[in-house]
Structures are given as structure tokens and as C-alpha cells.
Amino acid sequence: MNIYIGNLPYEVTDDKLRELFAAHGEVSSAMVIKDKMTGRSRGFAFVEMPSDDDAQKAIDALNGSNVDGKNIVVNQAKPKTDNRSDGRRGYGRR
């Protein structure tokens, strides 16, 4: 299962994220998403866990928990959609 982690402190690394989730089961991958230009964390990440049961236990245990002074948001990642609405619908039409 792919897990989304939001409101992540900027100092959290891939290794720290892996360690946090490994307490709840096997972690396939842990990746903090970084800004392409600055290399700085964007404040969210994804963790992949092969066991859906372990992943759900991690979500239940970690959602709302305090990591380095911030309460993180943890839930099942939603599949990426191709909905590219940019909020400009209807503008310029008369």
C-alpha cells in the first residue's frame, strides 16, 4: 500500500521516515518529496509498505502524531488522476 504523509517537518529525511514506519512493519520505500529547484523538502512524503495490514496499522498509529513539533497527516495515497483543472474554467468566455 502506498501511504501519503503530509504536514511533515522540513528537516525529516527519507531515513527518519523509514525508521518511523518500520516500527509498524516492513517498508519497501520512503521518499520525502523535494522541490526540484532548491532541493528543500516540500513538506510531504510517500511510504510504500508491502503488507496492507501493516500499512493500515501504521496509518492508524501515526495519523495526527507529533513528529519534530508538527502533527503529521497520514493516510492511504490516492492514485494520481489526469484531472488538470487549473481553476480557470469559464474565464474569457462571453
C-alpha atoms as a PDB file:
ATOM      1  CA  MET A   1       0.000   0.000   0.000  1.00  0.00           C
ATOM      2  CA  ASN A   2       1.196   3.494  -0.813  1.00  0.00           C
ATOM      3  CA  ILE A   3       0.868   5.935   2.105  1.00  0.00           C
ATOM      4  CA  TYR A   4       0.765   9.733   1.963  1.00  0.00           C
ATOM      5  CA  ILE A   5       2.340  11.741   4.789  1.00  0.00           C
ATOM      6  CA  GLY A   6       1.539  15.448   4.963  1.00  0.00           C
ATOM      7  CA  ASN A   7       2.418  18.387   7.248  1.00  0.00           C
ATOM      8  CA  LEU A   8       5.884  16.888   7.521  1.00  0.00           C
ATOM      9  CA  PRO A   9       8.620  18.985   9.152  1.00  0.00           C
ATOM     10  CA  TYR A  10      11.136  20.111   6.528  1.00  0.00           C
ATOM     11  CA  GLU A  11      14.019  18.511   8.478  1.00  0.00           C
ATOM     12  CA  VAL A  12      12.648  14.940   8.160  1.00  0.00           C
ATOM     13  CA  THR A  13      14.782  12.736   5.891  1.00  0.00           C
ATOM     14  CA  ASP A  14      13.980   9.573   3.945  1.00  0.00           C
ATOM     15  CA  ASP A  15      15.852   7.553   6.597  1.00  0.00           C
ATOM     16  CA  LYS A  16      13.939   9.087   9.505  1.00  0.00           C
ATOM     17  CA  LEU A  17      10.660   8.440   7.683  1.00  0.00           C
ATOM     18  CA  ARG A  18      11.641   4.814   7.028  1.00  0.00           C
ATOM     19  CA  GLU A  19      12.557   4.380  10.700  1.00  0.00           C
ATOM     20  CA  LEU A  20       9.221   5.874  11.834  1.00  0.00           C
ATOM     21  CA  PHE A  21       7.176   3.485   9.675  1.00  0.00           C
ATOM     22  CA  ALA A  22       9.406   0.420  10.181  1.00  0.00           C
ATOM     23  CA  ALA A  23       8.139   0.263  13.769  1.00  0.00           C
ATOM     24  CA  HIS A  24       4.838  -0.927  12.223  1.00  0.00           C
ATOM     25  CA  GLY A  25       6.101  -3.357   9.565  1.00  0.00           C
ATOM     26  CA  GLU A  26       8.285  -3.771   6.504  1.00  0.00           C
ATOM     27  CA  VAL A  27       8.895  -0.625   4.460  1.00  0.00           C
ATOM     28  CA  SER A  28       9.590  -1.012   0.718  1.00  0.00           C
ATOM     29  CA  SER A  29      10.387   2.656   0.141  1.00  0.00           C
ATOM     30  CA  ALA A  30      10.253   6.004   1.912  1.00  0.00           C
ATOM     31  CA  MET A  31      10.627   9.220  -0.045  1.00  0.00           C
ATOM     32  CA  VAL A  32      10.353  12.821   1.100  1.00  0.00           C
ATOM     33  CA  ILE A  33       9.260  14.926  -1.876  1.00  0.00           C
ATOM     34  CA  LYS A  34      11.698  17.744  -2.595  1.00  0.00           C
ATOM     35  CA  ASP A  35      11.498  20.941  -4.598  1.00  0.00           C
ATOM     36  CA  LYS A  36      13.354  20.429  -7.895  1.00  0.00           C
ATOM     37  CA  MET A  37      14.925  23.896  -7.830  1.00  0.00           C
ATOM     38  CA  THR A  38      16.002  24.200  -4.188  1.00  0.00           C
ATOM     39  CA  GLY A  39      16.256  20.561  -3.092  1.00  0.00           C
ATOM     40  CA  ARG A  40      14.302  21.506   0.037  1.00  0.00           C
ATOM     41  CA  SER A  41      11.529  19.269   1.375  1.00  0.00           C
ATOM     42  CA  ARG A  42       8.059  20.248   0.190  1.00  0.00           C
ATOM     43  CA  GLY A  43       6.560  19.054   3.490  1.00  0.00           C
ATOM     44  CA  PHE A  44       5.076  15.785   2.298  1.00  0.00           C
ATOM     45  CA  ALA A  45       6.233  12.264   1.534  1.00  0.00           C
ATOM     46  CA  PHE A  46       5.214   8.792   0.418  1.00  0.00           C
ATOM     47  CA  VAL A  47       5.931   5.460   2.072  1.00  0.00           C
ATOM     48  CA  GLU A  48       5.304   2.088   0.418  1.00  0.00           C
ATOM     49  CA  MET A  49       4.556  -0.919   2.631  1.00  0.00           C
ATOM     50  CA  PRO A  50       4.039  -4.383   1.075  1.00  0.00           C
ATOM     51  CA  SER A  51       1.541  -5.519   3.721  1.00  0.00           C
ATOM     52  CA  ASP A  52      -1.808  -3.711   3.613  1.00  0.00           C
ATOM     53  CA  ASP A  53      -2.432  -4.765   7.235  1.00  0.00           C
ATOM     54  CA  ASP A  54       0.876  -3.281   8.409  1.00  0.00           C
ATOM     55  CA  ALA A  55       0.231  -0.155   6.357  1.00  0.00           C
ATOM     56  CA  GLN A  56      -3.197   0.315   7.940  1.00  0.00           C
ATOM     57  CA  LYS A  57      -1.694  -0.181  11.413  1.00  0.00           C
ATOM     58  CA  ALA A  58       0.925   2.476  10.611  1.00  0.00           C
ATOM     59  CA  ILE A  59      -1.763   4.878   9.350  1.00  0.00           C
ATOM     60  CA  ASP A  60      -3.872   4.340  12.476  1.00  0.00           C
ATOM     61  CA  ALA A  61      -0.876   4.743  14.792  1.00  0.00           C
ATOM     62  CA  LEU A  62       0.827   7.704  13.107  1.00  0.00           C
ATOM     63  CA  ASN A  63      -2.002   9.898  11.788  1.00  0.00           C
ATOM     64  CA  GLY A  64      -2.093  13.013  13.960  1.00  0.00           C
ATOM     65  CA  SER A  65       1.090  12.055  15.802  1.00  0.00           C
ATOM     66  CA  ASN A  66       3.740  14.636  16.654  1.00  0.00           C
ATOM     67  CA  VAL A  67       6.969  14.477  14.655  1.00  0.00           C
ATOM     68  CA  ASP A  68       9.552  17.144  15.472  1.00  0.00           C
ATOM     69  CA  GLY A  69       6.869  19.550  16.703  1.00  0.00           C
ATOM     70  CA  LYS A  70       4.296  19.067  13.922  1.00  0.00           C
ATOM     71  CA  ASN A  71       1.220  16.843  13.862  1.00  0.00           C
ATOM     72  CA  ILE A  72       1.537  14.819  10.685  1.00  0.00           C
ATOM     73  CA  VAL A  73      -1.305  13.688   8.426  1.00  0.00           C
ATOM     74  CA  VAL A  74      -1.065  10.039   7.372  1.00  0.00           C
ATOM     75  CA  ASN A  75      -3.495   8.273   5.043  1.00  0.00           C
ATOM     76  CA  GLN A  76      -3.684   5.948   2.078  1.00  0.00           C
ATOM     77  CA  ALA A  77      -2.332   7.705  -1.000  1.00  0.00           C
ATOM     78  CA  LYS A  78      -4.901   8.368  -3.698  1.00  0.00           C
ATOM     79  CA  PRO A  79      -3.994   7.261  -7.222  1.00  0.00           C
ATOM     80  CA  LYS A  80      -2.779  10.107  -9.398  1.00  0.00           C
ATOM     81  CA  THR A  81      -5.509  11.265 -11.774  1.00  0.00           C
ATOM     82  CA  ASP A  82      -5.223  13.143 -15.027  1.00  0.00           C
ATOM     83  CA  ASN A  83      -7.604  15.886 -13.904  1.00  0.00           C
ATOM     84  CA  ARG A  84      -5.689  19.015 -14.858  1.00  0.00           C
ATOM     85  CA  SER A  85      -8.255  21.625 -13.918  1.00  0.00           C
ATOM     86  CA  ASP A  86      -6.354  24.813 -13.296  1.00  0.00           C
ATOM     87  CA  GLY A  87      -9.277  26.745 -11.875  1.00  0.00           C
ATOM     88  CA  ARG A  88      -9.696  28.936 -14.979  1.00  0.00           C
ATOM     89  CA  ARG A  89     -12.842  27.355 -16.369  1.00  0.00           C
ATOM     90  CA  GLY A  90     -15.211  29.889 -17.802  1.00  0.00           C
ATOM     91  CA  TYR A  91     -12.816  32.818 -17.804  1.00  0.00           C
ATOM     92  CA  GLY A  92     -12.619  34.673 -21.068  1.00  0.00           C
ATOM     93  CA  ARG A  93     -15.867  33.200 -22.408  1.00  0.00           C
ATOM     94  CA  ARG A  94     -18.671  35.567 -23.325  1.00  0.00           C
END
